[in-house]
């Protein structure tokens, strides 16, 4: 199965992608992970990507398309894959269609994660990271620290990333509406899109996705229902 997972920032794409790919036994392909891999390996694509990310710029389409094209040639994608973070715009969607057509394949399904904008802002703007260890993450509403602005794990100072500030989040949402939302329309015209509510618990969203794809639900223990 060739599956795309699309949704605005804060919809939980990364969390759902990992779980969904594991259940379907197909590789989870994230553009962010691919960029880091190529950068670590010092490839030409990685060097190009690093030049742009280091300057705070978006990676050009041709570079992003290049890393995806290379990844889809690997043997583990023969049974399918789940793409997370790609395509981000119509140019990338058309490029993906061409890449798959060359190998006589196509996108089988697109899951569009939908969530109200105010909830996205609340999810992202409420996050707080520990300055000592960024893996220690809290949320002012959902998982607040015992002591304000102090990490429960190591006592480090908690802070809000610039990318997580409400003004920045709303700007990211505007970019999503302008550039990525039309990708949903592209695949809707092909009858491939199912819209899934991204609200609620992680397991609930996963089960909605599995049902939409024609699979049974999975309980907390991981068995099919």
C-alpha atoms as a PDB file:
ATOM      1  CA  UNK A   1       0.000   0.000   0.000  1.00  0.00           C
ATOM      2  CA  UNK A   2       1.252   3.467  -0.962  1.00  0.00           C
ATOM      3  CA  UNK A   3      -0.218   5.739   1.697  1.00  0.00           C
ATOM      4  CA  UNK A   4       0.023   9.491   2.271  1.00  0.00           C
ATOM      5  CA  UNK A   5      -0.633  11.166   5.625  1.00  0.00           C
ATOM      6  CA  UNK A   6      -1.494  14.853   5.336  1.00  0.00           C
ATOM      7  CA  UNK A   7      -2.536  17.387   7.952  1.00  0.00           C
ATOM      8  CA  UNK A   8      -1.680  20.748   9.494  1.00  0.00           C
ATOM      9  CA  UNK A   9       1.058  21.259  12.069  1.00  0.00           C
ATOM     10  CA  UNK A  10      -0.070  19.960  15.436  1.00  0.00           C
ATOM     11  CA  UNK A  11      -2.381  17.314  13.971  1.00  0.00           C
ATOM     12  CA  UNK A  12      -0.114  14.534  15.241  1.00  0.00           C
ATOM     13  CA  UNK A  13       1.065  13.256  11.854  1.00  0.00           C
ATOM     14  CA  UNK A  14       4.406  11.976  13.130  1.00  0.00           C
ATOM     15  CA  UNK A  15       2.856  10.094  16.044  1.00  0.00           C
ATOM     16  CA  UNK A  16       0.171   8.534  13.871  1.00  0.00           C
ATOM     17  CA  UNK A  17       2.564   7.747  11.024  1.00  0.00           C
ATOM     18  CA  UNK A  18       4.860   5.651  13.224  1.00  0.00           C
ATOM     19  CA  UNK A  19       1.978   3.619  14.641  1.00  0.00           C
ATOM     20  CA  UNK A  20       0.126   3.219  11.366  1.00  0.00           C
ATOM     21  CA  UNK A  21       3.213   2.127   9.420  1.00  0.00           C
ATOM     22  CA  UNK A  22       4.053  -0.432  12.104  1.00  0.00           C
ATOM     23  CA  UNK A  23       0.542  -1.878  11.964  1.00  0.00           C
ATOM     24  CA  UNK A  24       0.617  -2.072   8.154  1.00  0.00           C
ATOM     25  CA  UNK A  25       4.200  -3.442   8.124  1.00  0.00           C
ATOM     26  CA  UNK A  26       5.401  -0.808   5.678  1.00  0.00           C
ATOM     27  CA  UNK A  27       8.237   1.729   6.125  1.00  0.00           C
ATOM     28  CA  UNK A  28       7.443   5.147   7.562  1.00  0.00           C
ATOM     29  CA  UNK A  29       9.185   7.706   5.355  1.00  0.00           C
ATOM     30  CA  UNK A  30       9.629  11.180   6.839  1.00  0.00           C
ATOM     31  CA  UNK A  31      11.282  13.977   4.885  1.00  0.00           C
ATOM     32  CA  UNK A  32      12.815  15.308   8.102  1.00  0.00           C
ATOM     33  CA  UNK A  33      14.448  11.939   8.820  1.00  0.00           C
ATOM     34  CA  UNK A  34      15.672  11.696   5.221  1.00  0.00           C
ATOM     35  CA  UNK A  35      17.266  15.134   5.335  1.00  0.00           C
ATOM     36  CA  UNK A  36      19.105  14.219   8.551  1.00  0.00           C
ATOM     37  CA  UNK A  37      20.249  10.917   7.031  1.00  0.00           C
ATOM     38  CA  UNK A  38      21.652  12.560   3.906  1.00  0.00           C
ATOM     39  CA  UNK A  39      23.266  15.335   5.935  1.00  0.00           C
ATOM     40  CA  UNK A  40      24.948  12.773   8.231  1.00  0.00           C
ATOM     41  CA  UNK A  41      26.177  10.791   5.213  1.00  0.00           C
ATOM     42  CA  UNK A  42      27.476  13.915   3.496  1.00  0.00           C
ATOM     43  CA  UNK A  43      25.661  13.238   0.219  1.00  0.00           C
ATOM     44  CA  UNK A  44      25.214  15.981  -2.356  1.00  0.00           C
ATOM     45  CA  UNK A  45      21.495  16.093  -1.566  1.00  0.00           C
ATOM     46  CA  UNK A  46      22.296  16.320   2.136  1.00  0.00           C
ATOM     47  CA  UNK A  47      24.793  19.134   1.651  1.00  0.00           C
ATOM     48  CA  UNK A  48      22.254  21.062  -0.409  1.00  0.00           C
ATOM     49  CA  UNK A  49      19.529  20.532   2.191  1.00  0.00           C
ATOM     50  CA  UNK A  50      21.862  21.543   5.020  1.00  0.00           C
ATOM     51  CA  UNK A  51      22.820  24.767   3.250  1.00  0.00           C
ATOM     52  CA  UNK A  52      19.183  25.841   3.245  1.00  0.00           C
ATOM     53  CA  UNK A  53      18.132  24.603   6.699  1.00  0.00           C
ATOM     54  CA  UNK A  54      21.207  26.185   8.282  1.00  0.00           C
ATOM     55  CA  UNK A  55      20.151  29.517   6.766  1.00  0.00           C
ATOM     56  CA  UNK A  56      16.594  29.046   8.043  1.00  0.00           C
ATOM     57  CA  UNK A  57      15.244  28.547   4.524  1.00  0.00           C
ATOM     58  CA  UNK A  58      12.889  25.918   3.144  1.00  0.00           C
ATOM     59  CA  UNK A  59      14.603  23.102   1.278  1.00  0.00           C
ATOM     60  CA  UNK A  60      13.918  23.583  -2.474  1.00  0.00           C
ATOM     61  CA  UNK A  61      11.428  21.242  -4.139  1.00  0.00           C
ATOM     62  CA  UNK A  62      14.059  19.677  -6.375  1.00  0.00           C
ATOM     63  CA  UNK A  63      16.131  18.613  -3.356  1.00  0.00           C
ATOM     64  CA  UNK A  64      13.136  17.307  -1.417  1.00  0.00           C
ATOM     65  CA  UNK A  65      11.911  15.407  -4.486  1.00  0.00           C
ATOM     66  CA  UNK A  66      15.412  14.032  -4.970  1.00  0.00           C
ATOM     67  CA  UNK A  67      15.645  12.515  -1.476  1.00  0.00           C
ATOM     68  CA  UNK A  68      12.162  11.003  -1.818  1.00  0.00           C
ATOM     69  CA  UNK A  69      12.954   9.570  -5.257  1.00  0.00           C
ATOM     70  CA  UNK A  70      16.124   7.946  -3.904  1.00  0.00           C
ATOM     71  CA  UNK A  71      14.308   6.542  -0.866  1.00  0.00           C
ATOM     72  CA  UNK A  72      11.576   4.932  -2.950  1.00  0.00           C
ATOM     73  CA  UNK A  73      14.188   2.907  -4.869  1.00  0.00           C
ATOM     74  CA  UNK A  74      15.160   0.942  -1.750  1.00  0.00           C
ATOM     75  CA  UNK A  75      13.979  -2.684  -1.479  1.00  0.00           C
ATOM     76  CA  UNK A  76      11.881  -2.179   1.653  1.00  0.00           C
ATOM     77  CA  UNK A  77       9.382  -0.042  -0.298  1.00  0.00           C
ATOM     78  CA  UNK A  78       8.402  -2.863  -2.673  1.00  0.00           C
ATOM     79  CA  UNK A  79       5.368  -3.738  -0.524  1.00  0.00           C
ATOM     80  CA  UNK A  80       4.450  -0.123  -0.018  1.00  0.00           C
ATOM     81  CA  UNK A  81       5.265   2.825   2.225  1.00  0.00           C
ATOM     82  CA  UNK A  82       3.740   5.621   4.276  1.00  0.00           C
ATOM     83  CA  UNK A  83       4.838   9.153   3.390  1.00  0.00           C
ATOM     84  CA  UNK A  84       4.824  11.722   6.203  1.00  0.00           C
ATOM     85  CA  UNK A  85       5.582  15.346   5.314  1.00  0.00           C
ATOM     86  CA  UNK A  86       5.539  14.849   1.556  1.00  0.00           C
ATOM     87  CA  UNK A  87       4.130  16.117  -0.742  1.00  0.00           C
ATOM     88  CA  UNK A  88       3.881  19.593   0.774  1.00  0.00           C
ATOM     89  CA  UNK A  89       2.704  21.377  -2.372  1.00  0.00           C
ATOM     90  CA  UNK A  90       1.235  20.643  -5.798  1.00  0.00           C
ATOM     91  CA  UNK A  91       4.635  20.571  -7.535  1.00  0.00           C
ATOM     92  CA  UNK A  92       5.761  17.820  -5.165  1.00  0.00           C
ATOM     93  CA  UNK A  93       2.460  15.951  -5.626  1.00  0.00           C
ATOM     94  CA  UNK A  94       2.854  15.932  -9.400  1.00  0.00           C
ATOM     95  CA  UNK A  95       6.484  14.820  -9.024  1.00  0.00           C
ATOM     96  CA  UNK A  96       5.415  11.949  -6.765  1.00  0.00           C
ATOM     97  CA  UNK A  97       2.794  10.872  -9.295  1.00  0.00           C
ATOM     98  CA  UNK A  98       5.499  10.800 -11.986  1.00  0.00           C
ATOM     99  CA  UNK A  99       7.947   8.861  -9.794  1.00  0.00           C
ATOM    100  CA  UNK A 100       5.341   6.212  -9.007  1.00  0.00           C
ATOM    101  CA  UNK A 101       4.068   6.036 -12.594  1.00  0.00           C
ATOM    102  CA  UNK A 102       7.610   5.280 -13.777  1.00  0.00           C
ATOM    103  CA  UNK A 103       7.585   2.163 -11.576  1.00  0.00           C
ATOM    104  CA  UNK A 104       3.998   1.355 -12.632  1.00  0.00           C
ATOM    105  CA  UNK A 105       2.659   2.223  -9.192  1.00  0.00           C
ATOM    106  CA  UNK A 106       0.393   4.885  -7.737  1.00  0.00           C
ATOM    107  CA  UNK A 107      -0.858   6.389  -4.473  1.00  0.00           C
ATOM    108  CA  UNK A 108      -3.473   4.035  -3.014  1.00  0.00           C
ATOM    109  CA  UNK A 109      -4.932   6.191  -0.258  1.00  0.00           C
ATOM    110  CA  UNK A 110      -4.582   9.589   1.390  1.00  0.00           C
ATOM    111  CA  UNK A 111      -5.555  10.211   5.004  1.00  0.00           C
ATOM    112  CA  UNK A 112      -6.272  13.875   5.684  1.00  0.00           C
ATOM    113  CA  UNK A 113      -5.980  14.597   9.413  1.00  0.00           C
ATOM    114  CA  UNK A 114      -8.398  17.362  10.324  1.00  0.00           C
ATOM    115  CA  UNK A 115      -8.310  19.436  13.512  1.00  0.00           C
ATOM    116  CA  UNK A 116      -9.732  22.876  14.435  1.00  0.00           C
ATOM    117  CA  UNK A 117      -7.196  25.691  14.188  1.00  0.00           C
ATOM    118  CA  UNK A 118      -7.711  26.827  17.778  1.00  0.00           C
ATOM    119  CA  UNK A 119      -6.915  23.330  19.003  1.00  0.00           C
ATOM    120  CA  UNK A 120      -3.727  23.271  16.928  1.00  0.00           C
ATOM    121  CA  UNK A 121      -2.653  26.554  18.502  1.00  0.00           C
ATOM    122  CA  UNK A 122      -3.440  25.226  21.975  1.00  0.00           C
ATOM    123  CA  UNK A 123      -1.514  21.991  21.367  1.00  0.00           C
ATOM    124  CA  UNK A 124       1.609  23.659  20.013  1.00  0.00           C
ATOM    125  CA  UNK A 125       1.694  26.948  21.928  1.00  0.00           C
ATOM    126  CA  UNK A 126       1.292  25.092  25.220  1.00  0.00           C
ATOM    127  CA  UNK A 127       4.446  23.005  24.780  1.00  0.00           C
ATOM    128  CA  UNK A 128       7.417  23.640  27.031  1.00  0.00           C
ATOM    129  CA  UNK A 129      10.881  22.121  26.593  1.00  0.00           C
ATOM    130  CA  UNK A 130      13.637  21.596  29.137  1.00  0.00           C
ATOM    131  CA  UNK A 131      16.770  23.617  28.395  1.00  0.00           C
ATOM    132  CA  UNK A 132      18.976  20.821  29.765  1.00  0.00           C
ATOM    133  CA  UNK A 133      17.352  18.005  27.797  1.00  0.00           C
ATOM    134  CA  UNK A 134      14.948  18.685  24.912  1.00  0.00           C
ATOM    135  CA  UNK A 135      13.537  15.177  25.242  1.00  0.00           C
ATOM    136  CA  UNK A 136      11.836  16.331  28.456  1.00  0.00           C
ATOM    137  CA  UNK A 137       8.638  17.895  27.115  1.00  0.00           C
ATOM    138  CA  UNK A 138       5.692  19.276  29.077  1.00  0.00           C
ATOM    139  CA  UNK A 139       2.424  21.025  28.242  1.00  0.00           C
ATOM    140  CA  UNK A 140       0.803  23.767  30.263  1.00  0.00           C
ATOM    141  CA  UNK A 141      -2.619  22.109  29.922  1.00  0.00           C
ATOM    142  CA  UNK A 142      -2.117  18.402  29.209  1.00  0.00           C
ATOM    143  CA  UNK A 143       1.033  17.532  31.173  1.00  0.00           C
ATOM    144  CA  UNK A 144       2.096  20.501  33.328  1.00  0.00           C
ATOM    145  CA  UNK A 145       5.203  20.303  35.534  1.00  0.00           C
ATOM    146  CA  UNK A 146       4.759  20.036  39.292  1.00  0.00           C
ATOM    147  CA  UNK A 147       6.602  23.341  39.697  1.00  0.00           C
ATOM    148  CA  UNK A 148       5.995  26.133  37.166  1.00  0.00           C
ATOM    149  CA  UNK A 149       8.759  26.517  34.537  1.00  0.00           C
ATOM    150  CA  UNK A 150      10.814  23.698  36.077  1.00  0.00           C
ATOM    151  CA  UNK A 151      11.467  20.242  34.586  1.00  0.00           C
ATOM    152  CA  UNK A 152      10.189  17.420  36.817  1.00  0.00           C
ATOM    153  CA  UNK A 153      12.942  15.104  35.546  1.00  0.00           C
ATOM    154  CA  UNK A 154      16.155  17.096  35.956  1.00  0.00           C
ATOM    155  CA  UNK A 155      15.178  20.471  37.394  1.00  0.00           C
ATOM    156  CA  UNK A 156      16.116  22.362  34.244  1.00  0.00           C
ATOM    157  CA  UNK A 157      14.369  25.536  33.166  1.00  0.00           C
ATOM    158  CA  UNK A 158      11.375  25.050  30.872  1.00  0.00           C
ATOM    159  CA  UNK A 159      10.955  27.381  27.921  1.00  0.00           C
ATOM    160  CA  UNK A 160       8.789  27.902  24.843  1.00  0.00           C
ATOM    161  CA  UNK A 161      10.450  27.526  21.439  1.00  0.00           C
ATOM    162  CA  UNK A 162      10.069  30.442  19.044  1.00  0.00           C
ATOM    163  CA  UNK A 163       8.417  28.049  16.566  1.00  0.00           C
ATOM    164  CA  UNK A 164       5.810  27.214  19.222  1.00  0.00           C
ATOM    165  CA  UNK A 165       4.676  30.781  19.886  1.00  0.00           C
ATOM    166  CA  UNK A 166       1.075  31.498  18.869  1.00  0.00           C
ATOM    167  CA  UNK A 167       1.995  34.075  16.215  1.00  0.00           C
ATOM    168  CA  UNK A 168       4.411  31.630  14.578  1.00  0.00           C
ATOM    169  CA  UNK A 169       1.936  28.750  14.771  1.00  0.00           C
ATOM    170  CA  UNK A 170      -0.755  30.783  13.039  1.00  0.00           C
ATOM    171  CA  UNK A 171       1.730  31.748  10.327  1.00  0.00           C
ATOM    172  CA  UNK A 172       2.584  28.060   9.817  1.00  0.00           C
ATOM    173  CA  UNK A 173      -1.125  27.288   9.523  1.00  0.00           C
ATOM    174  CA  UNK A 174      -1.499  29.981   6.878  1.00  0.00           C
ATOM    175  CA  UNK A 175       1.375  28.439   4.895  1.00  0.00           C
ATOM    176  CA  UNK A 176      -0.343  25.044   5.218  1.00  0.00           C
ATOM    177  CA  UNK A 177      -3.644  26.425   3.890  1.00  0.00           C
ATOM    178  CA  UNK A 178      -1.895  28.103   0.978  1.00  0.00           C
ATOM    179  CA  UNK A 179       0.595  25.414  -0.059  1.00  0.00           C
ATOM    180  CA  UNK A 180      -0.392  22.015   1.329  1.00  0.00           C
ATOM    181  CA  UNK A 181      -4.199  22.067   1.466  1.00  0.00           C
ATOM    182  CA  UNK A 182      -4.395  22.124  -2.383  1.00  0.00           C
ATOM    183  CA  UNK A 183      -2.581  18.764  -2.356  1.00  0.00           C
ATOM    184  CA  UNK A 184      -5.666  17.296  -0.680  1.00  0.00           C
ATOM    185  CA  UNK A 185      -7.785  18.629  -3.540  1.00  0.00           C
ATOM    186  CA  UNK A 186      -5.395  17.051  -6.048  1.00  0.00           C
ATOM    187  CA  UNK A 187      -5.971  13.607  -4.578  1.00  0.00           C
ATOM    188  CA  UNK A 188      -9.668  14.197  -3.862  1.00  0.00           C
ATOM    189  CA  UNK A 189     -10.133  14.577  -7.606  1.00  0.00           C
ATOM    190  CA  UNK A 190      -8.783  11.020  -7.872  1.00  0.00           C
ATOM    191  CA  UNK A 191     -11.123   9.709  -5.181  1.00  0.00           C
ATOM    192  CA  UNK A 192      -8.260   8.807  -2.837  1.00  0.00           C
ATOM    193  CA  UNK A 193      -8.861  11.037   0.212  1.00  0.00           C
ATOM    194  CA  UNK A 194     -10.523  10.136   3.508  1.00  0.00           C
ATOM    195  CA  UNK A 195     -10.741  12.875   6.118  1.00  0.00           C
ATOM    196  CA  UNK A 196     -10.003  11.713   9.670  1.00  0.00           C
ATOM    197  CA  UNK A 197     -10.632  13.703  12.837  1.00  0.00           C
ATOM    198  CA  UNK A 198      -7.303  14.183  14.613  1.00  0.00           C
ATOM    199  CA  UNK A 199      -9.028  15.170  17.857  1.00  0.00           C
ATOM    200  CA  UNK A 200      -8.964  12.913  20.892  1.00  0.00           C
ATOM    201  CA  UNK A 201      -6.580  10.249  22.131  1.00  0.00           C
ATOM    202  CA  UNK A 202      -3.782   8.876  19.950  1.00  0.00           C
ATOM    203  CA  UNK A 203      -5.374   5.404  19.927  1.00  0.00           C
ATOM    204  CA  UNK A 204      -8.742   6.796  18.838  1.00  0.00           C
ATOM    205  CA  UNK A 205      -7.194   8.591  15.871  1.00  0.00           C
ATOM    206  CA  UNK A 206      -5.256   5.444  14.908  1.00  0.00           C
ATOM    207  CA  UNK A 207      -8.426   3.367  14.975  1.00  0.00           C
ATOM    208  CA  UNK A 208     -10.270   5.870  12.795  1.00  0.00           C
ATOM    209  CA  UNK A 209      -7.433   5.627  10.272  1.00  0.00           C
ATOM    210  CA  UNK A 210      -7.409   1.829  10.291  1.00  0.00           C
ATOM    211  CA  UNK A 211     -11.176   1.652   9.810  1.00  0.00           C
ATOM    212  CA  UNK A 212     -10.930   4.120   6.913  1.00  0.00           C
ATOM    213  CA  UNK A 213      -8.335   1.848   5.288  1.00  0.00           C
ATOM    214  CA  UNK A 214     -10.524  -1.226   5.748  1.00  0.00           C
ATOM    215  CA  UNK A 215      -8.723  -2.726   8.752  1.00  0.00           C
ATOM    216  CA  UNK A 216     -10.080  -3.619  12.167  1.00  0.00           C
ATOM    217  CA  UNK A 217      -9.473  -1.468  15.194  1.00  0.00           C
ATOM    218  CA  UNK A 218      -6.549  -2.088  17.514  1.00  0.00           C
ATOM    219  CA  UNK A 219      -6.932  -2.122  21.265  1.00  0.00           C
ATOM    220  CA  UNK A 220      -4.386  -0.673  23.684  1.00  0.00           C
ATOM    221  CA  UNK A 221      -2.562  -4.017  23.885  1.00  0.00           C
ATOM    222  CA  UNK A 222      -2.034  -3.887  20.109  1.00  0.00           C
ATOM    223  CA  UNK A 223      -4.356  -6.711  19.007  1.00  0.00           C
ATOM    224  CA  UNK A 224      -6.852  -6.300  16.195  1.00  0.00           C
ATOM    225  CA  UNK A 225     -10.516  -5.947  17.027  1.00  0.00           C
END
